[in-house]
Amino acid sequence: MISRYALYTIAEISKRFNITAGLPKGVKPQYNISPTTIAPVIIDNDGSPTVKLMGWGLLPKNAKDTNSVFRYKTYNIPSETIFTKHSWDVAVRQSRCLIPANGFFELAGSDKQKAYYAQPQDSSLIAFAGVYSSWQDTDGVDHDTFSIITVKSNDNIPNSSGRMPIIIKLEDEARWLDSSVVDSGSLYDMLPLEPSDNLEVYEVSAAVHSPKASGANLIQQV
């Protein structure tokens, strides 16, 4: 699974993803995004890619409250089984999103003494495949949440937990956001079962195991 990622080149988001409306207030560099953290997500808004802030951990529309167990079990969704559960199936057909990122972490070891960081070899911004949902509480307040779709890890990541985020190909990003694409065949074509091998992976500080840790030092090689 993936439980940490980084997004810090905020100034590049608009140009990289063709965002014309600008970024919402509150978007800032984050070096240790963890489940339940509020982070930028890109969705389609009448044909234009738009950035919204959402909480990491999908809250299905039938959740009882914001502390529902659903949220802590749905920050990752396996690509191989995404059409087997109703809430996932509905989300991947109707509400797909891109999650911008600079890279992601692999937290290794039960003793929390190892961590690795994976990023594109050219250090470019990437987009994870994701789905999102809007859940309304009893007071009428909307809670927007998202989940990252994962695939089996490759051998480049030491001590891997077995899963890594799907990185959507640049040429597929607009199509992934296109709500008119709903058939499973077309969607699976954009969800490769083989992970990206265009990654640089190196060991970083184990401090990233703590959701409270922050700062650029978390992505520095040790």
Protein backbone atom coordinates (compact mmCIF):
# COMPACT_ATOMS: atom_id res chain seq x y z
CA MET A 1 0.00 0.00 0.00
CA ILE A 2 0.98 3.64 -0.23
CA SER A 3 0.53 5.69 2.93
CA ARG A 4 2.87 8.63 2.29
CA TYR A 5 3.65 10.85 -0.68
CA ALA A 6 5.09 14.30 -1.35
CA LEU A 7 3.97 17.33 -3.36
CA TYR A 8 6.16 20.38 -3.05
CA THR A 9 6.64 22.05 -6.47
CA ILE A 10 3.34 23.89 -6.12
CA ALA A 11 4.25 26.63 -8.60
CA GLU A 12 4.47 24.05 -11.38
CA ILE A 13 0.99 22.53 -10.96
CA SER A 14 -0.99 25.01 -13.08
CA LYS A 15 1.29 24.79 -16.11
CA ARG A 16 1.90 21.05 -15.83
CA PHE A 17 -1.83 20.15 -15.66
CA ASN A 18 -3.21 23.06 -17.73
CA ILE A 19 -5.10 24.58 -14.80
CA THR A 20 -6.59 27.90 -15.98
CA ALA A 21 -8.63 28.79 -12.88
CA GLY A 22 -5.64 28.90 -10.54
CA LEU A 23 -5.12 27.01 -7.30
CA PRO A 24 -7.45 27.17 -4.31
CA LYS A 25 -6.34 28.91 -1.15
CA GLY A 26 -4.47 26.57 1.16
CA VAL A 27 -2.42 24.66 -1.40
CA LYS A 28 1.11 24.49 -0.02
CA PRO A 29 4.24 22.32 -0.25
CA GLN A 30 3.81 19.06 1.66
CA TYR A 31 6.59 16.52 2.14
CA ASN A 32 4.66 13.95 4.17
CA ILE A 33 1.07 13.60 2.97
CA SER A 34 -0.58 10.83 4.98
CA PRO A 35 -4.12 9.38 5.19
CA THR A 36 -6.80 11.94 6.24
CA THR A 37 -4.48 14.82 5.19
CA ILE A 38 -6.07 17.51 3.00
CA ALA A 39 -4.28 17.61 -0.36
CA PRO A 40 -4.81 18.96 -3.90
CA VAL A 41 -6.71 16.76 -6.34
CA ILE A 42 -7.46 17.45 -10.02
CA ILE A 43 -10.97 16.82 -11.32
CA ASP A 44 -12.85 17.67 -14.50
CA ASN A 45 -15.10 20.75 -14.33
CA ASP A 46 -17.13 21.06 -17.53
CA GLY A 47 -14.18 20.04 -19.64
CA SER A 48 -11.54 21.98 -17.73
CA PRO A 49 -9.12 20.43 -15.24
CA THR A 50 -9.67 22.03 -11.84
CA VAL A 51 -7.84 21.71 -8.53
CA LYS A 52 -9.81 20.99 -5.36
CA LEU A 53 -8.64 20.27 -1.83
CA MET A 54 -9.82 16.89 -0.54
CA GLY A 55 -9.13 14.56 2.35
CA TRP A 56 -7.16 11.41 1.65
CA GLY A 57 -9.37 8.42 2.43
CA LEU A 58 -12.55 7.83 0.43
CA LEU A 59 -15.81 8.34 2.33
CA PRO A 60 -18.53 6.52 0.38
CA LYS A 61 -21.91 8.19 0.16
CA ASN A 62 -23.36 5.61 2.58
CA ALA A 63 -20.84 6.33 5.35
CA LYS A 64 -22.40 7.07 8.75
CA ASP A 65 -19.97 9.82 9.75
CA THR A 66 -16.53 11.28 9.02
CA ASN A 67 -14.92 8.88 11.49
CA SER A 68 -16.33 5.89 9.65
CA VAL A 69 -14.07 2.86 9.38
CA PHE A 70 -14.51 3.17 5.62
CA ARG A 71 -12.16 6.12 5.48
CA TYR A 72 -9.23 4.27 7.00
CA LYS A 73 -9.64 1.28 4.70
CA THR A 74 -10.10 3.15 1.45
CA TYR A 75 -7.08 5.41 1.04
CA ASN A 76 -5.81 2.78 -1.42
CA ILE A 77 -7.86 0.77 -3.93
CA PRO A 78 -6.30 -2.23 -5.76
CA SER A 79 -6.64 -1.81 -9.51
CA GLU A 80 -7.20 -5.55 -9.98
CA THR A 81 -10.43 -5.51 -7.95
CA ILE A 82 -11.72 -1.98 -8.48
CA PHE A 83 -14.87 -3.17 -10.24
CA THR A 84 -15.78 -5.77 -7.60
CA LYS A 85 -17.15 -3.46 -4.89
CA HIS A 86 -20.10 -1.17 -5.53
CA SER A 87 -18.65 2.04 -4.07
CA TRP A 88 -15.37 1.59 -5.97
CA ASP A 89 -17.12 0.66 -9.22
CA VAL A 90 -19.35 3.73 -9.09
CA ALA A 91 -16.43 6.01 -8.27
CA VAL A 92 -14.13 4.77 -11.05
CA ARG A 93 -16.88 5.14 -13.63
CA GLN A 94 -18.27 8.49 -12.47
CA SER A 95 -15.73 10.43 -10.39
CA ARG A 96 -12.12 9.92 -11.38
CA CYS A 97 -9.32 12.28 -10.45
CA LEU A 98 -5.61 12.86 -10.77
CA ILE A 99 -3.47 13.24 -7.67
CA PRO A 100 -0.43 15.42 -8.42
CA ALA A 101 2.78 14.33 -6.73
CA ASN A 102 6.54 14.66 -6.82
CA GLY A 103 7.07 11.17 -5.45
CA PHE A 104 5.99 8.62 -2.85
CA PHE A 105 7.45 6.77 0.11
CA GLU A 106 7.80 3.11 0.95
CA LEU A 107 7.71 2.62 4.72
CA ALA A 108 9.68 -0.53 5.41
CA GLY A 109 10.11 -2.74 8.44
CA SER A 110 7.83 -3.49 11.37
CA ASP A 111 10.24 -1.60 13.61
CA LYS A 112 9.79 1.56 11.49
CA GLN A 113 13.51 1.92 10.95
CA LYS A 114 13.59 2.07 7.16
CA ALA A 115 12.02 4.30 4.53
CA TYR A 116 12.55 4.79 0.80
CA TYR A 117 11.51 7.55 -1.58
CA ALA A 118 10.57 7.00 -5.22
CA GLN A 119 10.43 9.80 -7.78
CA PRO A 120 10.64 10.13 -11.58
CA GLN A 121 14.20 10.00 -12.88
CA ASP A 122 13.72 13.44 -14.42
CA SER A 123 12.15 14.84 -11.19
CA SER A 124 9.01 15.85 -13.09
CA LEU A 125 5.56 16.17 -11.56
CA ILE A 126 3.48 13.01 -11.90
CA ALA A 127 -0.19 12.13 -11.44
CA PHE A 128 -1.49 9.13 -9.52
CA ALA A 129 -4.73 7.53 -10.69
CA GLY A 130 -7.48 8.28 -8.21
CA VAL A 131 -11.19 8.40 -7.51
CA TYR A 132 -13.12 10.80 -5.32
CA SER A 133 -16.44 11.18 -3.55
CA SER A 134 -18.48 13.96 -1.96
CA TRP A 135 -20.28 12.98 1.25
CA GLN A 136 -22.73 15.24 3.05
CA ASP A 137 -23.15 15.16 6.82
CA THR A 138 -26.35 15.80 8.77
CA ASP A 139 -25.59 19.53 8.92
CA GLY A 140 -25.46 19.74 5.14
CA VAL A 141 -21.67 20.13 5.00
CA ASP A 142 -19.92 18.43 2.07
CA HIS A 143 -16.78 16.38 2.70
CA ASP A 144 -14.70 15.72 -0.44
CA THR A 145 -12.39 12.73 -0.19
CA PHE A 146 -10.18 10.70 -2.53
CA SER A 147 -8.36 7.42 -2.84
CA ILE A 148 -5.26 6.35 -4.78
CA ILE A 149 -5.46 3.33 -7.09
CA THR A 150 -2.55 0.92 -6.66
CA VAL A 151 -0.75 -1.83 -8.54
CA LYS A 152 1.74 -4.52 -7.53
CA SER A 153 5.19 -3.04 -6.85
CA ASN A 154 8.21 -3.69 -9.00
CA ASP A 155 11.58 -4.96 -7.81
CA ASN A 156 13.17 -1.51 -7.75
CA ILE A 157 11.65 -0.67 -4.37
CA PRO A 158 13.46 -2.36 -1.44
CA ASN A 159 11.42 -4.04 1.28
CA SER A 160 8.26 -3.25 -0.64
CA SER A 161 4.86 -3.71 0.99
CA GLY A 162 3.74 -5.12 -2.34
CA ARG A 163 1.77 -2.14 -3.66
CA MET A 164 2.57 1.19 -5.28
CA PRO A 165 0.44 3.97 -6.82
CA ILE A 166 -0.50 3.80 -10.46
CA ILE A 167 1.13 6.67 -12.32
CA ILE A 168 -1.15 7.73 -15.17
CA LYS A 169 0.67 8.22 -18.46
CA LEU A 170 0.82 11.82 -19.60
CA GLU A 171 -1.11 11.01 -22.78
CA ASP A 172 -3.91 9.38 -20.73
CA GLU A 173 -4.43 12.12 -18.13
CA ALA A 174 -7.16 14.06 -19.99
CA ARG A 175 -8.96 10.84 -20.90
CA TRP A 176 -8.82 9.66 -17.28
CA LEU A 177 -10.68 12.83 -16.25
CA ASP A 178 -13.21 12.50 -19.08
CA SER A 179 -16.50 11.46 -17.45
CA SER A 180 -17.87 10.19 -20.76
CA VAL A 181 -15.45 7.24 -20.57
CA VAL A 182 -17.29 4.65 -18.46
CA ASP A 183 -16.63 1.20 -19.93
CA SER A 184 -14.33 -1.07 -17.95
CA GLY A 185 -12.19 -1.96 -20.96
CA SER A 186 -11.21 1.64 -21.66
CA LEU A 187 -10.60 2.30 -17.97
CA TYR A 188 -8.41 -0.77 -17.55
CA ASP A 189 -6.38 0.35 -20.56
CA MET A 190 -5.37 3.38 -18.49
CA LEU A 191 -4.62 1.30 -15.39
CA PRO A 192 -1.52 -0.70 -16.31
CA LEU A 193 -1.06 -3.89 -14.32
CA GLU A 194 2.69 -3.42 -14.67
CA PRO A 195 4.13 -0.61 -12.52
CA SER A 196 6.20 2.24 -13.87
CA ASP A 197 9.92 1.44 -13.95
CA ASN A 198 10.98 5.02 -14.71
CA LEU A 199 11.65 5.72 -11.05
CA GLU A 200 14.66 6.68 -8.98
CA VAL A 201 14.50 5.04 -5.55
CA TYR A 202 16.72 5.78 -2.58
CA GLU A 203 16.73 5.47 1.20
CA VAL A 204 15.53 8.43 3.27
CA SER A 205 15.09 9.21 6.94
CA ALA A 206 12.78 6.90 8.86
CA ALA A 207 11.27 10.02 10.43
CA VAL A 208 8.68 9.98 7.64
CA HIS A 209 6.98 7.07 9.44
CA SER A 210 5.45 9.70 11.74
CA PRO A 211 2.56 11.66 10.18
CA LYS A 212 3.72 14.64 12.23
CA ALA A 213 7.13 14.83 10.52
CA SER A 214 7.53 17.53 7.88
CA GLY A 215 10.13 19.38 5.85
CA ALA A 216 12.33 18.94 2.80
CA ASN A 217 14.78 16.80 4.81
CA LEU A 218 12.31 13.91 4.50
CA ILE A 219 13.13 13.44 0.81
CA GLN A 220 16.91 13.77 1.19
CA GLN A 221 18.96 10.63 0.57
CA VAL A 222 20.68 9.07 3.59
